[in-house]
Amino acid sequence: MTQPTITVLLAEDEPSLPGLDSLSGQAEVREARTRAELEAALPVSDVLVVTDFRTEMLAEVWPENCPVRWVHATSAGVDALMIDPIRHSDIVVTNARGIFDRGIAEYVLGALLMFAKDTLTNLSLMKEHRWQHRETALLRGTRAVVVGAGSIGREVATLLGALGVSVAGTARNEREDAAFEKVHAQQDLPALLADADHVIITAPLTPDTEGLFDADQFLRMKPGAVLVNVGRGPIVETGALLAALQSGRLGGAALDVFEEEPLRADHPLWDEPNVMISAHMAGDFIGWRAALGQQFVDNFQRWQNGDKLNNPVSKEHGYVSNA
């Protein structure tokens, strides 16, 4: 029996995905880092693993009658993969759901503690060698809204709940979930914002979430609230966010993702005193690449055995269903 061919699409400067050497004898593993390499690989590939989740090459080189039967994303978001030949086909799409949950949740917890304890001011005063006593806030008794009550959002809610934060979530449909006070339908978000001290975006980028946080949405938020975006950059309109910060409407923002990445060096967000910026790294714990490789290898064994794959993505909605 002919071995299946797996092509791994990587960014040009990205190392190989760890662990795939364990598939020797079971599959031929190829790597593609350039347009030419991907164009040559797709016509002979059964499985495509995409680690470069910002790629635009797929749409440019996807061949007619492509033999790929399964596309796996080593990221939670799959928006870059949803080109028409994949979306409107029988190709199965899976993602890295579960790998980044804890790392992102700890990032969110750290960000909220940073704002509650006024750590940014502490760091600024340190640079000035100034001793300035202040009182700071408790997280206990505050309210949070998690926009995107999937597996990452649930882990965020679990950690915040342990500190006494009341957490509501939003999702496509209303449902009960023990990690949240309640998961509300997405259309209920405007009403929830008025009472939220913290708004955390963990949602994937879909047509329903793109541009969700615009100027009107920021006006609905509680004055002084903190925004944390660990979902996708285009969910937040950068200009509207900057205006909300500069007007004092927002108390602060922790931003790991942006409409355009990397954030350009002269962008005014860098100089906002109540903003923490990180380089799309909230979930990237030590050992995350090895975990991604093992997750794919485990799923490949299921695929070879004819078993149902883990983390199947709804191509209509762009994420793994909680059902």
C-alpha atoms as a PDB file:
ATOM      1  CA  MET A   1       0.000   0.000   0.000  1.00  0.00           C
ATOM      2  CA  THR A   2       1.338   3.417  -0.963  1.00  0.00           C
ATOM      3  CA  GLN A   3       2.252   5.626   1.959  1.00  0.00           C
ATOM      4  CA  PRO A   4       0.289   8.884   2.237  1.00  0.00           C
ATOM      5  CA  THR A   5       2.165  12.124   1.674  1.00  0.00           C
ATOM      6  CA  ILE A   6       2.042  14.819   4.338  1.00  0.00           C
ATOM      7  CA  THR A   7       3.097  18.339   3.416  1.00  0.00           C
ATOM      8  CA  VAL A   8       3.901  20.783   6.205  1.00  0.00           C
ATOM      9  CA  LEU A   9       3.561  24.439   5.221  1.00  0.00           C
ATOM     10  CA  LEU A  10       5.969  26.531   7.290  1.00  0.00           C
ATOM     11  CA  ALA A  11       7.031  30.156   7.287  1.00  0.00           C
ATOM     12  CA  GLU A  12      10.370  30.650   5.521  1.00  0.00           C
ATOM     13  CA  ASP A  13      12.306  31.197   8.767  1.00  0.00           C
ATOM     14  CA  GLU A  14      10.438  28.560  10.784  1.00  0.00           C
ATOM     15  CA  PRO A  15      12.056  25.319  12.015  1.00  0.00           C
ATOM     16  CA  SER A  16      10.532  21.923  11.313  1.00  0.00           C
ATOM     17  CA  LEU A  17       7.513  20.834  13.344  1.00  0.00           C
ATOM     18  CA  PRO A  18       8.906  18.499  16.050  1.00  0.00           C
ATOM     19  CA  GLY A  19       7.891  14.876  16.308  1.00  0.00           C
ATOM     20  CA  LEU A  20       6.939  14.103  12.724  1.00  0.00           C
ATOM     21  CA  ASP A  21      10.014  11.925  12.308  1.00  0.00           C
ATOM     22  CA  SER A  22       8.061   9.339  14.320  1.00  0.00           C
ATOM     23  CA  LEU A  23       5.919   8.848  11.208  1.00  0.00           C
ATOM     24  CA  SER A  24       8.824   7.343   9.263  1.00  0.00           C
ATOM     25  CA  GLY A  25       7.600   4.194   7.563  1.00  0.00           C
ATOM     26  CA  GLN A  26       3.976   5.325   7.815  1.00  0.00           C
ATOM     27  CA  ALA A  27       4.019   8.457   5.647  1.00  0.00           C
ATOM     28  CA  GLU A  28       6.242  10.590   3.469  1.00  0.00           C
ATOM     29  CA  VAL A  29       6.663  13.974   5.159  1.00  0.00           C
ATOM     30  CA  ARG A  30       7.529  16.959   2.975  1.00  0.00           C
ATOM     31  CA  GLU A  31       8.091  20.583   3.938  1.00  0.00           C
ATOM     32  CA  ALA A  32       7.137  23.677   1.957  1.00  0.00           C
ATOM     33  CA  ARG A  33       8.406  27.107   2.894  1.00  0.00           C
ATOM     34  CA  THR A  34       8.143  28.915  -0.421  1.00  0.00           C
ATOM     35  CA  ARG A  35       5.467  29.356  -3.042  1.00  0.00           C
ATOM     36  CA  ALA A  36       7.364  27.118  -5.464  1.00  0.00           C
ATOM     37  CA  GLU A  37       7.713  24.334  -2.897  1.00  0.00           C
ATOM     38  CA  LEU A  38       4.024  24.490  -1.981  1.00  0.00           C
ATOM     39  CA  GLU A  39       2.982  24.573  -5.635  1.00  0.00           C
ATOM     40  CA  ALA A  40       5.031  21.433  -6.277  1.00  0.00           C
ATOM     41  CA  ALA A  41       3.810  19.631  -3.151  1.00  0.00           C
ATOM     42  CA  LEU A  42       0.031  20.124  -3.238  1.00  0.00           C
ATOM     43  CA  PRO A  43      -0.671  17.972  -6.351  1.00  0.00           C
ATOM     44  CA  VAL A  44       0.867  14.934  -4.612  1.00  0.00           C
ATOM     45  CA  SER A  45      -0.255  15.532  -0.998  1.00  0.00           C
ATOM     46  CA  ASP A  46      -2.891  13.647   0.953  1.00  0.00           C
ATOM     47  CA  VAL A  47      -2.559  15.699   4.135  1.00  0.00           C
ATOM     48  CA  LEU A  48      -1.621  19.352   4.568  1.00  0.00           C
ATOM     49  CA  VAL A  49      -0.370  20.669   7.909  1.00  0.00           C
ATOM     50  CA  VAL A  50      -0.327  24.464   8.120  1.00  0.00           C
ATOM     51  CA  THR A  51       1.874  26.089  10.737  1.00  0.00           C
ATOM     52  CA  ASP A  52       2.042  29.464   8.972  1.00  0.00           C
ATOM     53  CA  PHE A  53      -1.493  30.521   9.893  1.00  0.00           C
ATOM     54  CA  ARG A  54      -1.139  33.942   8.222  1.00  0.00           C
ATOM     55  CA  THR A  55      -0.292  32.471   4.836  1.00  0.00           C
ATOM     56  CA  GLU A  56      -1.895  33.774   1.672  1.00  0.00           C
ATOM     57  CA  MET A  57      -0.147  31.229  -0.546  1.00  0.00           C
ATOM     58  CA  LEU A  58      -2.866  28.582  -0.414  1.00  0.00           C
ATOM     59  CA  ALA A  59      -5.327  30.663  -2.396  1.00  0.00           C
ATOM     60  CA  GLU A  60      -2.628  31.541  -4.907  1.00  0.00           C
ATOM     61  CA  VAL A  61      -1.407  28.032  -5.729  1.00  0.00           C
ATOM     62  CA  TRP A  62      -4.219  25.606  -4.865  1.00  0.00           C
ATOM     63  CA  PRO A  63      -4.532  23.308  -7.904  1.00  0.00           C
ATOM     64  CA  GLU A  64      -7.658  21.973  -9.534  1.00  0.00           C
ATOM     65  CA  ASN A  65      -8.486  18.420  -8.466  1.00  0.00           C
ATOM     66  CA  CYS A  66      -6.171  18.736  -5.485  1.00  0.00           C
ATOM     67  CA  PRO A  67      -5.783  15.317  -3.793  1.00  0.00           C
ATOM     68  CA  VAL A  68      -5.550  16.742  -0.250  1.00  0.00           C
ATOM     69  CA  ARG A  69      -8.155  15.046   1.960  1.00  0.00           C
ATOM     70  CA  TRP A  70      -7.300  16.563   5.330  1.00  0.00           C
ATOM     71  CA  VAL A  71      -5.972  19.980   6.347  1.00  0.00           C
ATOM     72  CA  HIS A  72      -4.680  20.454   9.886  1.00  0.00           C
ATOM     73  CA  ALA A  73      -3.915  23.881  11.378  1.00  0.00           C
ATOM     74  CA  THR A  74      -1.393  24.097  14.213  1.00  0.00           C
ATOM     75  CA  SER A  75      -3.333  27.095  15.501  1.00  0.00           C
ATOM     76  CA  ALA A  76      -6.753  27.658  16.989  1.00  0.00           C
ATOM     77  CA  GLY A  77      -7.765  30.075  14.234  1.00  0.00           C
ATOM     78  CA  VAL A  78      -8.342  28.690  10.740  1.00  0.00           C
ATOM     79  CA  ASP A  79      -9.471  31.848   8.924  1.00  0.00           C
ATOM     80  CA  ALA A  80      -6.444  31.798   6.587  1.00  0.00           C
ATOM     81  CA  LEU A  81      -7.340  28.257   5.482  1.00  0.00           C
ATOM     82  CA  MET A  82     -10.932  28.964   4.522  1.00  0.00           C
ATOM     83  CA  ILE A  83     -10.305  29.458   0.829  1.00  0.00           C
ATOM     84  CA  ASP A  84     -13.168  28.410  -1.435  1.00  0.00           C
ATOM     85  CA  PRO A  85     -11.630  25.113  -2.642  1.00  0.00           C
ATOM     86  CA  ILE A  86     -11.344  23.963   0.983  1.00  0.00           C
ATOM     87  CA  ARG A  87     -14.533  25.485   2.335  1.00  0.00           C
ATOM     88  CA  HIS A  88     -16.674  24.091  -0.467  1.00  0.00           C
ATOM     89  CA  SER A  89     -15.282  20.569  -0.499  1.00  0.00           C
ATOM     90  CA  ASP A  90     -15.223  17.309   1.452  1.00  0.00           C
ATOM     91  CA  ILE A  91     -11.765  18.103   2.838  1.00  0.00           C
ATOM     92  CA  VAL A  92     -11.706  17.679   6.609  1.00  0.00           C
ATOM     93  CA  VAL A  93     -10.212  20.598   8.556  1.00  0.00           C
ATOM     94  CA  THR A  94      -8.889  20.214  12.100  1.00  0.00           C
ATOM     95  CA  ASN A  95      -7.138  22.632  14.434  1.00  0.00           C
ATOM     96  CA  ALA A  96      -4.951  22.812  17.538  1.00  0.00           C
ATOM     97  CA  ARG A  97      -7.789  23.256  20.003  1.00  0.00           C
ATOM     98  CA  GLY A  98      -6.659  22.483  23.535  1.00  0.00           C
ATOM     99  CA  ILE A  99      -2.949  23.157  23.135  1.00  0.00           C
ATOM    100  CA  PHE A 100      -3.002  26.867  23.918  1.00  0.00           C
ATOM    101  CA  ASP A 101      -5.874  27.056  26.406  1.00  0.00           C
ATOM    102  CA  ARG A 102      -3.902  27.159  29.642  1.00  0.00           C
ATOM    103  CA  GLY A 103      -1.146  29.424  28.338  1.00  0.00           C
ATOM    104  CA  ILE A 104      -3.616  31.998  27.065  1.00  0.00           C
ATOM    105  CA  ALA A 105      -5.705  31.806  30.232  1.00  0.00           C
ATOM    106  CA  GLU A 106      -2.633  32.480  32.372  1.00  0.00           C
ATOM    107  CA  TYR A 107      -1.714  35.404  30.106  1.00  0.00           C
ATOM    108  CA  VAL A 108      -5.188  36.879  30.629  1.00  0.00           C
ATOM    109  CA  LEU A 109      -4.995  36.373  34.385  1.00  0.00           C
ATOM    110  CA  GLY A 110      -1.582  38.039  34.470  1.00  0.00           C
ATOM    111  CA  ALA A 111      -2.862  40.981  32.442  1.00  0.00           C
ATOM    112  CA  LEU A 112      -5.850  41.572  34.720  1.00  0.00           C
ATOM    113  CA  LEU A 113      -3.659  41.328  37.808  1.00  0.00           C
ATOM    114  CA  MET A 114      -1.257  43.782  36.193  1.00  0.00           C
ATOM    115  CA  PHE A 115      -4.024  46.343  35.781  1.00  0.00           C
ATOM    116  CA  ALA A 116      -5.591  45.662  39.177  1.00  0.00           C
ATOM    117  CA  LYS A 117      -2.239  46.138  40.933  1.00  0.00           C
ATOM    118  CA  ASP A 118      -1.249  49.125  38.773  1.00  0.00           C
ATOM    119  CA  THR A 119       1.947  47.393  37.724  1.00  0.00           C
ATOM    120  CA  LEU A 120       2.501  49.583  34.679  1.00  0.00           C
ATOM    121  CA  THR A 121       2.688  52.611  36.954  1.00  0.00           C
ATOM    122  CA  ASN A 122       5.082  50.754  39.260  1.00  0.00           C
ATOM    123  CA  LEU A 123       7.394  50.079  36.327  1.00  0.00           C
ATOM    124  CA  SER A 124       7.197  53.703  35.214  1.00  0.00           C
ATOM    125  CA  LEU A 125       7.962  54.983  38.719  1.00  0.00           C
ATOM    126  CA  MET A 126      10.888  52.583  38.986  1.00  0.00           C
ATOM    127  CA  LYS A 127      12.475  54.176  35.944  1.00  0.00           C
ATOM    128  CA  GLU A 128      12.154  57.556  37.681  1.00  0.00           C
ATOM    129  CA  HIS A 129      13.427  56.174  41.019  1.00  0.00           C
ATOM    130  CA  ARG A 130      10.235  57.504  42.620  1.00  0.00           C
ATOM    131  CA  TRP A 131       8.652  56.059  45.765  1.00  0.00           C
ATOM    132  CA  GLN A 132       4.916  56.687  45.507  1.00  0.00           C
ATOM    133  CA  HIS A 133       2.461  54.842  47.736  1.00  0.00           C
ATOM    134  CA  ARG A 134      -0.948  54.030  46.232  1.00  0.00           C
ATOM    135  CA  GLU A 135      -3.945  51.800  46.798  1.00  0.00           C
ATOM    136  CA  THR A 136      -4.806  49.180  44.197  1.00  0.00           C
ATOM    137  CA  ALA A 137      -7.841  47.119  43.302  1.00  0.00           C
ATOM    138  CA  LEU A 138      -8.938  43.569  44.042  1.00  0.00           C
ATOM    139  CA  LEU A 139     -10.081  41.260  41.274  1.00  0.00           C
ATOM    140  CA  ARG A 140     -12.460  39.558  43.693  1.00  0.00           C
ATOM    141  CA  GLY A 141     -15.973  40.860  43.226  1.00  0.00           C
ATOM    142  CA  THR A 142     -15.391  42.235  39.723  1.00  0.00           C
ATOM    143  CA  ARG A 143     -17.219  41.184  36.564  1.00  0.00           C
ATOM    144  CA  ALA A 144     -15.797  39.912  33.299  1.00  0.00           C
ATOM    145  CA  VAL A 145     -17.217  39.106  29.900  1.00  0.00           C
ATOM    146  CA  VAL A 146     -15.388  36.550  27.779  1.00  0.00           C
ATOM    147  CA  VAL A 147     -16.211  37.046  24.108  1.00  0.00           C
ATOM    148  CA  GLY A 148     -15.860  33.567  22.664  1.00  0.00           C
ATOM    149  CA  ALA A 149     -16.832  30.836  25.126  1.00  0.00           C
ATOM    150  CA  GLY A 150     -14.917  28.018  23.467  1.00  0.00           C
ATOM    151  CA  SER A 151     -12.201  25.928  25.084  1.00  0.00           C
ATOM    152  CA  ILE A 152      -9.856  28.920  25.551  1.00  0.00           C
ATOM    153  CA  GLY A 153     -12.653  31.078  26.921  1.00  0.00           C
ATOM    154  CA  ARG A 154     -13.675  28.311  29.307  1.00  0.00           C
ATOM    155  CA  GLU A 155     -10.133  28.043  30.685  1.00  0.00           C
ATOM    156  CA  VAL A 156     -10.029  31.821  31.139  1.00  0.00           C
ATOM    157  CA  ALA A 157     -13.339  31.722  33.001  1.00  0.00           C
ATOM    158  CA  THR A 158     -12.113  28.885  35.234  1.00  0.00           C
ATOM    159  CA  LEU A 159      -8.989  30.773  36.339  1.00  0.00           C
ATOM    160  CA  LEU A 160     -10.818  34.061  36.874  1.00  0.00           C
ATOM    161  CA  GLY A 161     -13.611  32.323  38.749  1.00  0.00           C
ATOM    162  CA  ALA A 162     -11.059  30.890  41.178  1.00  0.00           C
ATOM    163  CA  LEU A 163     -10.158  34.468  42.138  1.00  0.00           C
ATOM    164  CA  GLY A 164     -13.746  35.463  42.758  1.00  0.00           C
ATOM    165  CA  VAL A 165     -14.436  37.140  39.412  1.00  0.00           C
ATOM    166  CA  SER A 166     -17.980  36.727  38.071  1.00  0.00           C
ATOM    167  CA  VAL A 167     -17.616  35.625  34.451  1.00  0.00           C
ATOM    168  CA  ALA A 168     -20.214  35.674  31.692  1.00  0.00           C
ATOM    169  CA  GLY A 169     -19.480  34.369  28.222  1.00  0.00           C
ATOM    170  CA  THR A 170     -20.800  34.912  24.725  1.00  0.00           C
ATOM    171  CA  ALA A 171     -21.069  32.395  21.907  1.00  0.00           C
ATOM    172  CA  ARG A 172     -23.069  31.858  18.742  1.00  0.00           C
ATOM    173  CA  ASN A 173     -25.867  30.285  20.797  1.00  0.00           C
ATOM    174  CA  GLU A 174     -26.938  30.647  24.418  1.00  0.00           C
ATOM    175  CA  ARG A 175     -26.111  27.679  26.626  1.00  0.00           C
ATOM    176  CA  GLU A 176     -25.306  26.631  30.172  1.00  0.00           C
ATOM    177  CA  ASP A 177     -21.665  26.011  31.048  1.00  0.00           C
ATOM    178  CA  ALA A 178     -20.358  25.351  34.563  1.00  0.00           C
ATOM    179  CA  ALA A 179     -17.290  27.544  33.970  1.00  0.00           C
ATOM    180  CA  PHE A 180     -19.477  30.609  33.405  1.00  0.00           C
ATOM    181  CA  GLU A 181     -22.349  32.249  35.204  1.00  0.00           C
ATOM    182  CA  LYS A 182     -24.024  31.873  31.814  1.00  0.00           C
ATOM    183  CA  VAL A 183     -23.071  31.729  28.180  1.00  0.00           C
ATOM    184  CA  HIS A 184     -25.164  34.294  26.320  1.00  0.00           C
ATOM    185  CA  ALA A 185     -25.909  34.500  22.615  1.00  0.00           C
ATOM    186  CA  GLN A 186     -23.531  36.843  20.784  1.00  0.00           C
ATOM    187  CA  GLN A 187     -26.290  39.381  20.126  1.00  0.00           C
ATOM    188  CA  ASP A 188     -26.561  39.948  23.895  1.00  0.00           C
ATOM    189  CA  LEU A 189     -23.008  41.326  24.058  1.00  0.00           C
ATOM    190  CA  PRO A 190     -23.914  45.062  23.991  1.00  0.00           C
ATOM    191  CA  ALA A 191     -26.090  44.689  27.084  1.00  0.00           C
ATOM    192  CA  LEU A 192     -23.366  42.764  28.928  1.00  0.00           C
ATOM    193  CA  LEU A 193     -20.653  45.337  28.286  1.00  0.00           C
ATOM    194  CA  ALA A 194     -22.180  48.044  30.468  1.00  0.00           C
ATOM    195  CA  ASP A 195     -21.465  46.122  33.699  1.00  0.00           C
ATOM    196  CA  ALA A 196     -18.181  44.430  32.779  1.00  0.00           C
ATOM    197  CA  ASP A 197     -14.963  45.543  34.473  1.00  0.00           C
ATOM    198  CA  HIS A 198     -12.961  43.308  32.136  1.00  0.00           C
ATOM    199  CA  VAL A 199     -13.694  42.325  28.542  1.00  0.00           C
ATOM    200  CA  ILE A 200     -11.629  39.437  27.203  1.00  0.00           C
ATOM    201  CA  ILE A 201     -11.713  38.502  23.520  1.00  0.00           C
ATOM    202  CA  THR A 202     -10.920  34.839  22.845  1.00  0.00           C
ATOM    203  CA  ALA A 203     -13.139  34.433  19.785  1.00  0.00           C
ATOM    204  CA  PRO A 204     -11.941  33.249  16.361  1.00  0.00           C
ATOM    205  CA  LEU A 205     -12.055  35.555  13.365  1.00  0.00           C
ATOM    206  CA  THR A 206     -15.267  34.953  11.430  1.00  0.00           C
ATOM    207  CA  PRO A 207     -17.585  37.193   9.396  1.00  0.00           C
ATOM    208  CA  ASP A 208     -19.604  37.667  12.599  1.00  0.00           C
ATOM    209  CA  THR A 209     -16.647  38.783  14.722  1.00  0.00           C
ATOM    210  CA  GLU A 210     -14.607  40.845  12.257  1.00  0.00           C
ATOM    211  CA  GLY A 211     -14.790  44.489  13.345  1.00  0.00           C
ATOM    212  CA  LEU A 212     -17.012  43.543  16.285  1.00  0.00           C
ATOM    213  CA  PHE A 213     -15.346  46.079  18.575  1.00  0.00           C
ATOM    214  CA  ASP A 214     -15.872  49.388  16.838  1.00  0.00           C
ATOM    215  CA  ALA A 215     -16.438  52.900  18.183  1.00  0.00           C
ATOM    216  CA  ASP A 216     -20.063  52.157  19.130  1.00  0.00           C
ATOM    217  CA  GLN A 217     -19.064  49.025  21.022  1.00  0.00           C
ATOM    218  CA  PHE A 218     -16.442  50.908  23.040  1.00  0.00           C
ATOM    219  CA  LEU A 219     -19.072  53.477  23.988  1.00  0.00           C
ATOM    220  CA  ARG A 220     -21.187  50.653  25.404  1.00  0.00           C
ATOM    221  CA  MET A 221     -18.379  49.486  27.660  1.00  0.00           C
ATOM    222  CA  LYS A 222     -18.241  50.462  31.309  1.00  0.00           C
ATOM    223  CA  PRO A 223     -16.042  53.559  31.774  1.00  0.00           C
ATOM    224  CA  GLY A 224     -12.629  52.490  33.032  1.00  0.00           C
ATOM    225  CA  ALA A 225     -13.017  48.873  31.882  1.00  0.00           C
ATOM    226  CA  VAL A 226     -10.022  46.902  30.650  1.00  0.00           C
ATOM    227  CA  LEU A 227      -9.896  45.150  27.270  1.00  0.00           C
ATOM    228  CA  VAL A 228      -7.770  42.049  26.669  1.00  0.00           C
ATOM    229  CA  ASN A 229      -7.509  40.730  23.107  1.00  0.00           C
ATOM    230  CA  VAL A 230      -6.023  37.261  22.731  1.00  0.00           C
ATOM    231  CA  GLY A 231      -8.378  36.256  19.900  1.00  0.00           C
ATOM    232  CA  ARG A 232      -7.719  37.789  16.504  1.00  0.00           C
ATOM    233  CA  GLY A 233      -6.585  41.317  15.715  1.00  0.00           C
ATOM    234  CA  PRO A 234      -9.270  42.234  13.158  1.00  0.00           C
ATOM    235  CA  ILE A 235     -11.992  41.674  15.764  1.00  0.00           C
ATOM    236  CA  VAL A 236     -10.980  45.081  17.140  1.00  0.00           C
ATOM    237  CA  GLU A 237     -10.872  48.229  15.024  1.00  0.00           C
ATOM    238  CA  THR A 238      -7.510  49.686  15.982  1.00  0.00           C
ATOM    239  CA  GLY A 239      -8.471  53.307  15.387  1.00  0.00           C
ATOM    240  CA  ALA A 240     -11.561  53.007  17.558  1.00  0.00           C
ATOM    241  CA  LEU A 241      -9.536  51.316  20.292  1.00  0.00           C
ATOM    242  CA  LEU A 242      -6.907  54.051  20.249  1.00  0.00           C
ATOM    243  CA  ALA A 243      -9.584  56.733  20.468  1.00  0.00           C
ATOM    244  CA  ALA A 244     -11.245  54.973  23.419  1.00  0.00           C
ATOM    245  CA  LEU A 245      -7.910  54.793  25.236  1.00  0.00           C
ATOM    246  CA  GLN A 246      -6.935  58.383  24.538  1.00  0.00           C
ATOM    247  CA  SER A 247     -10.329  59.695  25.631  1.00  0.00           C
ATOM    248  CA  GLY A 248     -10.054  57.835  28.950  1.00  0.00           C
ATOM    249  CA  ARG A 249     -13.102  55.728  28.168  1.00  0.00           C
ATOM    250  CA  LEU A 250     -11.031  52.560  28.565  1.00  0.00           C
ATOM    251  CA  GLY A 251      -8.957  51.982  31.666  1.00  0.00           C
ATOM    252  CA  GLY A 252      -6.398  49.965  29.759  1.00  0.00           C
ATOM    253  CA  ALA A 253      -5.766  47.265  27.199  1.00  0.00           C
ATOM    254  CA  ALA A 254      -3.583  44.172  26.960  1.00  0.00           C
ATOM    255  CA  LEU A 255      -3.108  43.354  23.294  1.00  0.00           C
ATOM    256  CA  ASP A 256      -1.500  40.222  21.898  1.00  0.00           C
ATOM    257  CA  VAL A 257      -3.009  40.450  18.399  1.00  0.00           C
ATOM    258  CA  PHE A 258      -3.509  43.283  15.924  1.00  0.00           C
ATOM    259  CA  GLU A 259      -5.203  44.066  12.632  1.00  0.00           C
ATOM    260  CA  GLU A 260      -1.779  44.227  10.995  1.00  0.00           C
ATOM    261  CA  GLU A 261       1.109  42.191  12.384  1.00  0.00           C
ATOM    262  CA  PRO A 262       3.745  42.960  13.328  1.00  0.00           C
ATOM    263  CA  LEU A 263       2.535  46.243  14.800  1.00  0.00           C
ATOM    264  CA  ARG A 264       4.623  48.886  13.087  1.00  0.00           C
ATOM    265  CA  ALA A 265       7.305  50.509  15.232  1.00  0.00           C
ATOM    266  CA  ASP A 266       5.832  54.026  14.953  1.00  0.00           C
ATOM    267  CA  HIS A 267       2.268  53.048  15.871  1.00  0.00           C
ATOM    268  CA  PRO A 268       0.849  55.288  18.637  1.00  0.00           C
ATOM    269  CA  LEU A 269      -0.358  52.273  20.636  1.00  0.00           C
ATOM    270  CA  TRP A 270       3.243  51.657  21.719  1.00  0.00           C
ATOM    271  CA  ASP A 271       3.252  54.924  23.634  1.00  0.00           C
ATOM    272  CA  GLU A 272      -0.112  54.618  25.374  1.00  0.00           C
ATOM    273  CA  PRO A 273       0.618  54.492  29.129  1.00  0.00           C
ATOM    274  CA  ASN A 274      -2.178  52.026  29.954  1.00  0.00           C
ATOM    275  CA  VAL A 275      -1.418  49.493  27.237  1.00  0.00           C
ATOM    276  CA  MET A 276       0.569  46.268  27.333  1.00  0.00           C
ATOM    277  CA  ILE A 277       1.641  44.904  23.952  1.00  0.00           C
ATOM    278  CA  SER A 278       2.940  41.421  23.209  1.00  0.00           C
ATOM    279  CA  ALA A 279       3.926  39.834  19.914  1.00  0.00           C
ATOM    280  CA  HIS A 280       1.143  37.263  19.302  1.00  0.00           C
ATOM    281  CA  MET A 281       2.649  34.977  21.908  1.00  0.00           C
ATOM    282  CA  ALA A 282       0.012  34.636  24.634  1.00  0.00           C
ATOM    283  CA  GLY A 283      -0.325  30.878  24.240  1.00  0.00           C
ATOM    284  CA  ASP A 284       3.270  30.041  23.322  1.00  0.00           C
ATOM    285  CA  PHE A 285       4.543  28.244  26.416  1.00  0.00           C
ATOM    286  CA  ILE A 286       7.902  26.472  26.577  1.00  0.00           C
ATOM    287  CA  GLY A 287       7.403  23.238  24.657  1.00  0.00           C
ATOM    288  CA  TRP A 288       4.377  24.367  22.638  1.00  0.00           C
ATOM    289  CA  ARG A 289       5.810  23.339  19.269  1.00  0.00           C
ATOM    290  CA  ALA A 290       6.506  19.812  20.497  1.00  0.00           C
ATOM    291  CA  ALA A 291       2.955  19.638  21.846  1.00  0.00           C
ATOM    292  CA  LEU A 292       1.605  20.681  18.446  1.00  0.00           C
ATOM    293  CA  GLY A 293       3.648  18.021  16.695  1.00  0.00           C
ATOM    294  CA  GLN A 294       2.451  15.310  19.064  1.00  0.00           C
ATOM    295  CA  GLN A 295      -1.153  16.418  18.667  1.00  0.00           C
ATOM    296  CA  PHE A 296      -0.893  16.016  14.888  1.00  0.00           C
ATOM    297  CA  VAL A 297       0.872  12.641  15.156  1.00  0.00           C
ATOM    298  CA  ASP A 298      -1.859  11.344  17.456  1.00  0.00           C
ATOM    299  CA  ASN A 299      -4.538  12.554  15.053  1.00  0.00           C
ATOM    300  CA  PHE A 300      -2.690  11.046  12.095  1.00  0.00           C
ATOM    301  CA  GLN A 301      -2.866   7.653  13.769  1.00  0.00           C
ATOM    302  CA  ARG A 302      -6.629   8.085  14.050  1.00  0.00           C
ATOM    303  CA  TRP A 303      -6.796   9.045  10.368  1.00  0.00           C
ATOM    304  CA  GLN A 304      -4.793   5.965   9.363  1.00  0.00           C
ATOM    305  CA  ASN A 305      -7.102   3.749  11.431  1.00  0.00           C
ATOM    306  CA  GLY A 306     -10.230   5.254   9.925  1.00  0.00           C
ATOM    307  CA  ASP A 307     -11.295   6.748  13.262  1.00  0.00           C
ATOM    308  CA  LYS A 308     -13.011  10.101  13.682  1.00  0.00           C
ATOM    309  CA  LEU A 309     -10.458  12.906  13.855  1.00  0.00           C
ATOM    310  CA  ASN A 310     -10.117  15.080  16.931  1.00  0.00           C
ATOM    311  CA  ASN A 311     -10.920  18.796  16.645  1.00  0.00           C
ATOM    312  CA  PRO A 312     -12.964  18.832  13.422  1.00  0.00           C
ATOM    313  CA  VAL A 313     -13.648  22.435  12.450  1.00  0.00           C
ATOM    314  CA  SER A 314     -17.023  23.577  11.194  1.00  0.00           C
ATOM    315  CA  LYS A 315     -16.154  25.149   7.859  1.00  0.00           C
ATOM    316  CA  GLU A 316     -19.350  27.173   8.074  1.00  0.00           C
ATOM    317  CA  HIS A 317     -18.491  28.744  11.417  1.00  0.00           C
ATOM    318  CA  GLY A 318     -14.691  28.552  11.486  1.00  0.00           C
ATOM    319  CA  TYR A 319     -14.163  26.749  14.797  1.00  0.00           C
ATOM    320  CA  VAL A 320     -14.675  23.464  16.607  1.00  0.00           C
ATOM    321  CA  SER A 321     -18.179  23.109  17.952  1.00  0.00           C
ATOM    322  CA  ASN A 322     -18.629  22.722  21.708  1.00  0.00           C
ATOM    323  CA  ALA A 323     -21.390  20.210  21.098  1.00  0.00           C
END
